[in-house]
Amino acid sequence: MKFAGIVSIRLREDLLDPQGKAVMTGLKQLGFETVEDVRVGKQLKVVFEARDGEEAMARLKEMCTKLLVNPVTEDYDTVVMAEGEPEPD
């Protein structure tokens, strides 16, 4: 069965995010004075085959720990969908 895994990666909360600070400064300069914080991250979509949803989630988490995420500096969330399911917002 074909699955799509979405991995949302962000810097750990206790680490400085210079990109986020730059975006926040830009937003404030554009008049968005109420912005209090911005954290910049990335999102990956991985399409792969697995027997079922449980195996798909296990394989996606293994991909994260072996390559996609640096656990020292990053936190992440994962979502797995069967082919044809709508992507989460």
PDB file of N, CA and C in Angstrom:
ATOM      1  N   MET A   1       0.834  -1.169   0.000  1.00  0.00           N
ATOM      2  CA  MET A   1       0.000   0.000   0.000  1.00  0.00           C
ATOM      3  C   MET A   1       0.889   1.246   0.000  1.00  0.00           C
ATOM      4  N   LYS A   2       0.444   2.309  -0.670  1.00  0.00           N
ATOM      5  CA  LYS A   2       1.237   3.534  -0.740  1.00  0.00           C
ATOM      6  C   LYS A   2       0.760   4.520   0.330  1.00  0.00           C
ATOM      7  N   PHE A   3       1.745   5.141   1.006  1.00  0.00           N
ATOM      8  CA  PHE A   3       1.474   6.112   2.065  1.00  0.00           C
ATOM      9  C   PHE A   3       2.248   7.403   1.788  1.00  0.00           C
ATOM     10  N   ALA A   4       1.732   8.484   2.354  1.00  0.00           N
ATOM     11  CA  ALA A   4       2.450   9.758   2.348  1.00  0.00           C
ATOM     12  C   ALA A   4       2.664  10.147   3.801  1.00  0.00           C
ATOM     13  N   GLY A   5       3.891  10.434   4.138  1.00  0.00           N
ATOM     14  CA  GLY A   5       4.218  10.880   5.484  1.00  0.00           C
ATOM     15  C   GLY A   5       4.605  12.348   5.454  1.00  0.00           C
ATOM     16  N   ILE A   6       4.046  13.116   6.371  1.00  0.00           N
ATOM     17  CA  ILE A   6       4.388  14.531   6.498  1.00  0.00           C
ATOM     18  C   ILE A   6       5.197  14.682   7.783  1.00  0.00           C
ATOM     19  N   VAL A   7       6.378  15.273   7.673  1.00  0.00           N
ATOM     20  CA  VAL A   7       7.238  15.515   8.826  1.00  0.00           C
ATOM     21  C   VAL A   7       7.406  17.027   8.973  1.00  0.00           C
ATOM     22  N   SER A   8       6.947  17.565  10.093  1.00  0.00           N
ATOM     23  CA  SER A   8       7.100  18.989  10.393  1.00  0.00           C
ATOM     24  C   SER A   8       8.244  19.139  11.392  1.00  0.00           C
ATOM     25  N   ILE A   9       9.283  19.860  10.990  1.00  0.00           N
ATOM     26  CA  ILE A   9      10.503  19.971  11.787  1.00  0.00           C
ATOM     27  C   ILE A   9      10.693  21.430  12.202  1.00  0.00           C
ATOM     28  N   ARG A  10      11.089  21.617  13.450  1.00  0.00           N
ATOM     29  CA  ARG A  10      11.358  22.969  13.954  1.00  0.00           C
ATOM     30  C   ARG A  10      12.515  22.900  14.948  1.00  0.00           C
ATOM     31  N   LEU A  11      13.184  24.046  15.106  1.00  0.00           N
ATOM     32  CA  LEU A  11      14.253  24.111  16.100  1.00  0.00           C
ATOM     33  C   LEU A  11      13.666  23.912  17.490  1.00  0.00           C
ATOM     34  N   ARG A  12      14.426  23.307  18.361  1.00  0.00           N
ATOM     35  CA  ARG A  12      13.973  23.130  19.746  1.00  0.00           C
ATOM     36  C   ARG A  12      13.708  24.500  20.359  1.00  0.00           C
ATOM     37  N   GLU A  13      12.717  24.571  21.222  1.00  0.00           N
ATOM     38  CA  GLU A  13      12.296  25.836  21.821  1.00  0.00           C
ATOM     39  C   GLU A  13      13.416  26.543  22.581  1.00  0.00           C
ATOM     40  N   ASP A  14      14.347  25.790  23.162  1.00  0.00           N
ATOM     41  CA  ASP A  14      15.402  26.410  23.956  1.00  0.00           C
ATOM     42  C   ASP A  14      16.572  26.931  23.113  1.00  0.00           C
ATOM     43  N   LEU A  15      16.486  26.803  21.793  1.00  0.00           N
ATOM     44  CA  LEU A  15      17.551  27.277  20.910  1.00  0.00           C
ATOM     45  C   LEU A  15      17.149  28.576  20.216  1.00  0.00           C
ATOM     46  N   LEU A  16      18.116  29.451  20.031  1.00  0.00           N
ATOM     47  CA  LEU A  16      17.901  30.694  19.312  1.00  0.00           C
ATOM     48  C   LEU A  16      17.552  30.389  17.857  1.00  0.00           C
ATOM     49  N   ASP A  17      16.553  31.107  17.324  1.00  0.00           N
ATOM     50  CA  ASP A  17      16.138  30.932  15.940  1.00  0.00           C
ATOM     51  C   ASP A  17      16.378  32.251  15.191  1.00  0.00           C
ATOM     52  N   PRO A  18      17.590  32.468  14.651  1.00  0.00           N
ATOM     53  CA  PRO A  18      17.890  33.733  13.999  1.00  0.00           C
ATOM     54  C   PRO A  18      16.996  34.007  12.789  1.00  0.00           C
ATOM     55  N   GLN A  19      16.616  32.973  12.063  1.00  0.00           N
ATOM     56  CA  GLN A  19      15.708  33.157  10.929  1.00  0.00           C
ATOM     57  C   GLN A  19      14.345  33.639  11.410  1.00  0.00           C
ATOM     58  N   GLY A  20      13.858  33.048  12.477  1.00  0.00           N
ATOM     59  CA  GLY A  20      12.581  33.462  13.046  1.00  0.00           C
ATOM     60  C   GLY A  20      12.628  34.906  13.521  1.00  0.00           C
ATOM     61  N   LYS A  21      13.731  35.296  14.154  1.00  0.00           N
ATOM     62  CA  LYS A  21      13.883  36.678  14.623  1.00  0.00           C
ATOM     63  C   LYS A  21      13.891  37.646  13.448  1.00  0.00           C
ATOM     64  N   ALA A  22      14.553  37.280  12.343  1.00  0.00           N
ATOM     65  CA  ALA A  22      14.588  38.137  11.158  1.00  0.00           C
ATOM     66  C   ALA A  22      13.187  38.296  10.569  1.00  0.00           C
ATOM     67  N   VAL A  23      12.424  37.217  10.515  1.00  0.00           N
ATOM     68  CA  VAL A  23      11.053  37.286  10.001  1.00  0.00           C
ATOM     69  C   VAL A  23      10.205  38.162  10.920  1.00  0.00           C
ATOM     70  N   MET A  24      10.351  37.991  12.220  1.00  0.00           N
ATOM     71  CA  MET A  24       9.590  38.793  13.167  1.00  0.00           C
ATOM     72  C   MET A  24       9.908  40.282  12.999  1.00  0.00           C
ATOM     73  N   THR A  25      11.177  40.616  12.849  1.00  0.00           N
ATOM     74  CA  THR A  25      11.570  42.011  12.641  1.00  0.00           C
ATOM     75  C   THR A  25      10.935  42.562  11.366  1.00  0.00           C
ATOM     76  N   GLY A  26      10.957  41.780  10.303  1.00  0.00           N
ATOM     77  CA  GLY A  26      10.345  42.205   9.047  1.00  0.00           C
ATOM     78  C   GLY A  26       8.845  42.430   9.187  1.00  0.00           C
ATOM     79  N   LEU A  27       8.172  41.536   9.885  1.00  0.00           N
ATOM     80  CA  LEU A  27       6.733  41.694  10.099  1.00  0.00           C
ATOM     81  C   LEU A  27       6.430  42.965  10.888  1.00  0.00           C
ATOM     82  N   LYS A  28       7.222  43.219  11.909  1.00  0.00           N
ATOM     83  CA  LYS A  28       7.015  44.439  12.711  1.00  0.00           C
ATOM     84  C   LYS A  28       7.254  45.690  11.865  1.00  0.00           C
ATOM     85  N   GLN A  29       8.265  45.658  11.011  1.00  0.00           N
ATOM     86  CA  GLN A  29       8.534  46.797  10.138  1.00  0.00           C
ATOM     87  C   GLN A  29       7.393  47.031   9.146  1.00  0.00           C
ATOM     88  N   LEU A  30       6.652  45.972   8.822  1.00  0.00           N
ATOM     89  CA  LEU A  30       5.508  46.087   7.921  1.00  0.00           C
ATOM     90  C   LEU A  30       4.228  46.482   8.642  1.00  0.00           C
ATOM     91  N   GLY A  31       4.334  46.714   9.948  1.00  0.00           N
ATOM     92  CA  GLY A  31       3.178  47.189  10.695  1.00  0.00           C
ATOM     93  C   GLY A  31       2.466  46.138  11.519  1.00  0.00           C
ATOM     94  N   PHE A  32       2.969  44.929  11.554  1.00  0.00           N
ATOM     95  CA  PHE A  32       2.348  43.858  12.346  1.00  0.00           C
ATOM     96  C   PHE A  32       2.948  43.880  13.759  1.00  0.00           C
ATOM     97  N   GLU A  33       2.642  44.931  14.503  1.00  0.00           N
ATOM     98  CA  GLU A  33       3.248  45.180  15.814  1.00  0.00           C
ATOM     99  C   GLU A  33       2.876  44.152  16.876  1.00  0.00           C
ATOM    100  N   THR A  34       1.773  43.439  16.695  1.00  0.00           N
ATOM    101  CA  THR A  34       1.329  42.495  17.726  1.00  0.00           C
ATOM    102  C   THR A  34       2.051  41.152  17.650  1.00  0.00           C
ATOM    103  N   VAL A  35       2.893  40.938  16.640  1.00  0.00           N
ATOM    104  CA  VAL A  35       3.640  39.679  16.530  1.00  0.00           C
ATOM    105  C   VAL A  35       4.617  39.591  17.694  1.00  0.00           C
ATOM    106  N   GLU A  36       4.536  38.517  18.456  1.00  0.00           N
ATOM    107  CA  GLU A  36       5.386  38.333  19.633  1.00  0.00           C
ATOM    108  C   GLU A  36       6.558  37.402  19.397  1.00  0.00           C
ATOM    109  N   ASP A  37       6.391  36.430  18.506  1.00  0.00           N
ATOM    110  CA  ASP A  37       7.466  35.467  18.268  1.00  0.00           C
ATOM    111  C   ASP A  37       7.219  34.772  16.936  1.00  0.00           C
ATOM    112  N   VAL A  38       8.288  34.393  16.263  1.00  0.00           N
ATOM    113  CA  VAL A  38       8.208  33.610  15.027  1.00  0.00           C
ATOM    114  C   VAL A  38       9.282  32.537  15.110  1.00  0.00           C
ATOM    115  N   ARG A  39       8.899  31.316  14.808  1.00  0.00           N
ATOM    116  CA  ARG A  39       9.844  30.204  14.719  1.00  0.00           C
ATOM    117  C   ARG A  39       9.751  29.660  13.299  1.00  0.00           C
ATOM    118  N   VAL A  40      10.880  29.513  12.639  1.00  0.00           N
ATOM    119  CA  VAL A  40      10.914  29.014  11.272  1.00  0.00           C
ATOM    120  C   VAL A  40      11.239  27.524  11.310  1.00  0.00           C
ATOM    121  N   GLY A  41      10.536  26.758  10.504  1.00  0.00           N
ATOM    122  CA  GLY A  41      10.778  25.320  10.426  1.00  0.00           C
ATOM    123  C   GLY A  41      10.718  24.858   8.984  1.00  0.00           C
ATOM    124  N   LYS A  42      10.582  23.568   8.818  1.00  0.00           N
ATOM    125  CA  LYS A  42      10.461  23.006   7.475  1.00  0.00           C
ATOM    126  C   LYS A  42       9.508  21.831   7.518  1.00  0.00           C
ATOM    127  N   GLN A  43       8.956  21.511   6.368  1.00  0.00           N
ATOM    128  CA  GLN A  43       8.036  20.385   6.273  1.00  0.00           C
ATOM    129  C   GLN A  43       8.464  19.521   5.095  1.00  0.00           C
ATOM    130  N   LEU A  44       8.504  18.217   5.330  1.00  0.00           N
ATOM    131  CA  LEU A  44       8.859  17.273   4.280  1.00  0.00           C
ATOM    132  C   LEU A  44       7.687  16.336   4.023  1.00  0.00           C
ATOM    133  N   LYS A  45       7.503  15.971   2.772  1.00  0.00           N
ATOM    134  CA  LYS A  45       6.511  14.955   2.405  1.00  0.00           C
ATOM    135  C   LYS A  45       7.267  13.788   1.800  1.00  0.00           C
ATOM    136  N   VAL A  46       7.064  12.602   2.355  1.00  0.00           N
ATOM    137  CA  VAL A  46       7.750  11.395   1.901  1.00  0.00           C
ATOM    138  C   VAL A  46       6.687  10.394   1.459  1.00  0.00           C
ATOM    139  N   VAL A  47       6.746   9.946   0.222  1.00  0.00           N
ATOM    140  CA  VAL A  47       5.809   8.952  -0.298  1.00  0.00           C
ATOM    141  C   VAL A  47       6.535   7.617  -0.344  1.00  0.00           C
ATOM    142  N   PHE A  48       5.919   6.582   0.233  1.00  0.00           N
ATOM    143  CA  PHE A  48       6.584   5.286   0.322  1.00  0.00           C
ATOM    144  C   PHE A  48       5.549   4.173   0.471  1.00  0.00           C
ATOM    145  N   GLU A  49       6.011   2.944   0.390  1.00  0.00           N
ATOM    146  CA  GLU A  49       5.151   1.767   0.501  1.00  0.00           C
ATOM    147  C   GLU A  49       5.308   1.126   1.875  1.00  0.00           C
ATOM    148  N   ALA A  50       4.190   0.626   2.394  1.00  0.00           N
ATOM    149  CA  ALA A  50       4.180  -0.131   3.653  1.00  0.00           C
ATOM    150  C   ALA A  50       2.948  -1.031   3.638  1.00  0.00           C
ATOM    151  N   ARG A  51       2.945  -2.045   4.503  1.00  0.00           N
ATOM    152  CA  ARG A  51       1.811  -2.977   4.560  1.00  0.00           C
ATOM    153  C   ARG A  51       0.544  -2.337   5.103  1.00  0.00           C
ATOM    154  N   ASP A  52       0.720  -1.509   6.158  1.00  0.00           N
ATOM    155  CA  ASP A  52      -0.434  -0.882   6.806  1.00  0.00           C
ATOM    156  C   ASP A  52       0.004   0.405   7.491  1.00  0.00           C
ATOM    157  N   GLY A  53      -0.944   1.099   8.105  1.00  0.00           N
ATOM    158  CA  GLY A  53      -0.659   2.373   8.739  1.00  0.00           C
ATOM    159  C   GLY A  53       0.331   2.270   9.879  1.00  0.00           C
ATOM    160  N   GLU A  54       0.254   1.189  10.637  1.00  0.00           N
ATOM    161  CA  GLU A  54       1.179   1.016  11.765  1.00  0.00           C
ATOM    162  C   GLU A  54       2.621   0.885  11.275  1.00  0.00           C
ATOM    163  N   GLU A  55       2.821   0.062  10.249  1.00  0.00           N
ATOM    164  CA  GLU A  55       4.168  -0.083   9.686  1.00  0.00           C
ATOM    165  C   GLU A  55       4.623   1.233   9.047  1.00  0.00           C
ATOM    166  N   ALA A  56       3.721   1.931   8.391  1.00  0.00           N
ATOM    167  CA  ALA A  56       4.062   3.208   7.755  1.00  0.00           C
ATOM    168  C   ALA A  56       4.561   4.208   8.793  1.00  0.00           C
ATOM    169  N   MET A  57       3.862   4.311   9.913  1.00  0.00           N
ATOM    170  CA  MET A  57       4.285   5.247  10.959  1.00  0.00           C
ATOM    171  C   MET A  57       5.639   4.843  11.528  1.00  0.00           C
ATOM    172  N   ALA A  58       5.839   3.560  11.756  1.00  0.00           N
ATOM    173  CA  ALA A  58       7.117   3.085  12.289  1.00  0.00           C
ATOM    174  C   ALA A  58       8.259   3.388  11.316  1.00  0.00           C
ATOM    175  N   ARG A  59       8.018   3.174  10.025  1.00  0.00           N
ATOM    176  CA  ARG A  59       9.070   3.435   9.028  1.00  0.00           C
ATOM    177  C   ARG A  59       9.366   4.931   8.928  1.00  0.00           C
ATOM    178  N   LEU A  60       8.315   5.766   8.994  1.00  0.00           N
ATOM    179  CA  LEU A  60       8.531   7.210   8.925  1.00  0.00           C
ATOM    180  C   LEU A  60       9.333   7.693  10.130  1.00  0.00           C
ATOM    181  N   LYS A  61       9.013   7.198  11.309  1.00  0.00           N
ATOM    182  CA  LYS A  61       9.769   7.594  12.499  1.00  0.00           C
ATOM    183  C   LYS A  61      11.223   7.126  12.404  1.00  0.00           C
ATOM    184  N   GLU A  62      11.443   5.954  11.830  1.00  0.00           N
ATOM    185  CA  GLU A  62      12.812   5.473  11.636  1.00  0.00           C
ATOM    186  C   GLU A  62      13.572   6.381  10.663  1.00  0.00           C
ATOM    187  N   MET A  63      12.892   6.830   9.587  1.00  0.00           N
ATOM    188  CA  MET A  63      13.517   7.765   8.647  1.00  0.00           C
ATOM    189  C   MET A  63      13.927   9.050   9.372  1.00  0.00           C
ATOM    190  N   CYS A  64      13.049   9.501  10.268  1.00  0.00           N
ATOM    191  CA  CYS A  64      13.338  10.726  11.020  1.00  0.00           C
ATOM    192  C   CYS A  64      14.569  10.560  11.901  1.00  0.00           C
ATOM    193  N   THR A  65      14.633   9.457  12.630  1.00  0.00           N
ATOM    194  CA  THR A  65      15.749   9.270  13.560  1.00  0.00           C
ATOM    195  C   THR A  65      17.061   8.978  12.847  1.00  0.00           C
ATOM    196  N   LYS A  66      16.993   8.372  11.655  1.00  0.00           N
ATOM    197  CA  LYS A  66      18.229   8.019  10.955  1.00  0.00           C
ATOM    198  C   LYS A  66      18.755   9.125  10.040  1.00  0.00           C
ATOM    199  N   LEU A  67      17.867  10.016   9.552  1.00  0.00           N
ATOM    200  CA  LEU A  67      18.345  10.999   8.584  1.00  0.00           C
ATOM    201  C   LEU A  67      17.640  12.355   8.638  1.00  0.00           C
ATOM    202  N   LEU A  68      16.334  12.368   8.719  1.00  0.00           N
ATOM    203  CA  LEU A  68      15.588  13.601   8.472  1.00  0.00           C
ATOM    204  C   LEU A  68      15.676  14.636   9.583  1.00  0.00           C
ATOM    205  N   VAL A  69      15.851  14.205  10.826  1.00  0.00           N
ATOM    206  CA  VAL A  69      15.801  15.119  11.973  1.00  0.00           C
ATOM    207  C   VAL A  69      17.085  14.997  12.791  1.00  0.00           C
ATOM    208  N   ASN A  70      17.600  16.142  13.218  1.00  0.00           N
ATOM    209  CA  ASN A  70      18.731  16.160  14.139  1.00  0.00           C
ATOM    210  C   ASN A  70      18.154  16.285  15.548  1.00  0.00           C
ATOM    211  N   PRO A  71      18.143  15.212  16.330  1.00  0.00           N
ATOM    212  CA  PRO A  71      17.486  15.251  17.641  1.00  0.00           C
ATOM    213  C   PRO A  71      18.158  16.179  18.654  1.00  0.00           C
ATOM    214  N   VAL A  72      19.373  16.592  18.392  1.00  0.00           N
ATOM    215  CA  VAL A  72      20.063  17.506  19.297  1.00  0.00           C
ATOM    216  C   VAL A  72      19.495  18.920  19.176  1.00  0.00           C
ATOM    217  N   THR A  73      19.116  19.311  17.960  1.00  0.00           N
ATOM    218  CA  THR A  73      18.675  20.693  17.737  1.00  0.00           C
ATOM    219  C   THR A  73      17.230  20.829  17.263  1.00  0.00           C
ATOM    220  N   GLU A  74      16.581  19.720  16.909  1.00  0.00           N
ATOM    221  CA  GLU A  74      15.248  19.813  16.298  1.00  0.00           C
ATOM    222  C   GLU A  74      14.222  18.926  16.992  1.00  0.00           C
ATOM    223  N   ASP A  75      12.977  19.408  16.996  1.00  0.00           N
ATOM    224  CA  ASP A  75      11.811  18.614  17.385  1.00  0.00           C
ATOM    225  C   ASP A  75      10.991  18.385  16.126  1.00  0.00           C
ATOM    226  N   TYR A  76      10.112  17.383  16.152  1.00  0.00           N
ATOM    227  CA  TYR A  76       9.316  17.116  14.959  1.00  0.00           C
ATOM    228  C   TYR A  76       7.992  16.453  15.313  1.00  0.00           C
ATOM    229  N   ASP A  77       7.052  16.555  14.373  1.00  0.00           N
ATOM    230  CA  ASP A  77       5.768  15.862  14.434  1.00  0.00           C
ATOM    231  C   ASP A  77       5.594  15.117  13.122  1.00  0.00           C
ATOM    232  N   THR A  78       4.874  13.996  13.168  1.00  0.00           N
ATOM    233  CA  THR A  78       4.644  13.223  11.952  1.00  0.00           C
ATOM    234  C   THR A  78       3.164  12.932  11.774  1.00  0.00           C
ATOM    235  N   VAL A  79       2.770  12.831  10.513  1.00  0.00           N
ATOM    236  CA  VAL A  79       1.424  12.407  10.135  1.00  0.00           C
ATOM    237  C   VAL A  79       1.591  11.443   8.976  1.00  0.00           C
ATOM    238  N   VAL A  80       0.848  10.333   9.000  1.00  0.00           N
ATOM    239  CA  VAL A  80       0.882   9.371   7.906  1.00  0.00           C
ATOM    240  C   VAL A  80      -0.523   9.246   7.341  1.00  0.00           C
ATOM    241  N   MET A  81      -0.614   9.281   6.011  1.00  0.00           N
ATOM    242  CA  MET A  81      -1.901   9.143   5.331  1.00  0.00           C
ATOM    243  C   MET A  81      -1.788   8.091   4.246  1.00  0.00           C
ATOM    244  N   ALA A  82      -2.852   7.320   4.075  1.00  0.00           N
ATOM    245  CA  ALA A  82      -2.912   6.376   2.964  1.00  0.00           C
ATOM    246  C   ALA A  82      -3.090   7.172   1.679  1.00  0.00           C
ATOM    247  N   GLU A  83      -2.630   6.602   0.574  1.00  0.00           N
ATOM    248  CA  GLU A  83      -2.761   7.267  -0.714  1.00  0.00           C
ATOM    249  C   GLU A  83      -4.217   7.671  -0.963  1.00  0.00           C
ATOM    250  N   GLY A  84      -4.405   8.899  -1.377  1.00  0.00           N
ATOM    251  CA  GLY A  84      -5.747   9.382  -1.668  1.00  0.00           C
ATOM    252  C   GLY A  84      -6.414  10.128  -0.541  1.00  0.00           C
ATOM    253  N   GLU A  85      -5.892  10.011   0.687  1.00  0.00           N
ATOM    254  CA  GLU A  85      -6.459  10.767   1.812  1.00  0.00           C
ATOM    255  C   GLU A  85      -6.043  12.226   1.668  1.00  0.00           C
ATOM    256  N   PRO A  86      -6.892  13.157   2.083  1.00  0.00           N
ATOM    257  CA  PRO A  86      -6.504  14.574   2.013  1.00  0.00           C
ATOM    258  C   PRO A  86      -5.414  14.899   3.031  1.00  0.00           C
ATOM    259  N   GLU A  87      -4.520  15.809   2.644  1.00  0.00           N
ATOM    260  CA  GLU A  87      -3.449  16.225   3.548  1.00  0.00           C
ATOM    261  C   GLU A  87      -4.021  17.105   4.656  1.00  0.00           C
ATOM    262  N   PRO A  88      -3.444  17.009   5.866  1.00  0.00           N
ATOM    263  CA  PRO A  88      -3.919  17.864   6.964  1.00  0.00           C
ATOM    264  C   PRO A  88      -3.536  19.319   6.712  1.00  0.00           C
ATOM    265  N   ASP A  89      -4.298  20.216   7.298  1.00  0.00           N
ATOM    266  CA  ASP A  89      -4.003  21.655   7.156  1.00  0.00           C
ATOM    267  C   ASP A  89      -2.810  22.057   7.961  1.00  0.00           C
TER     268      ASP A  89
END
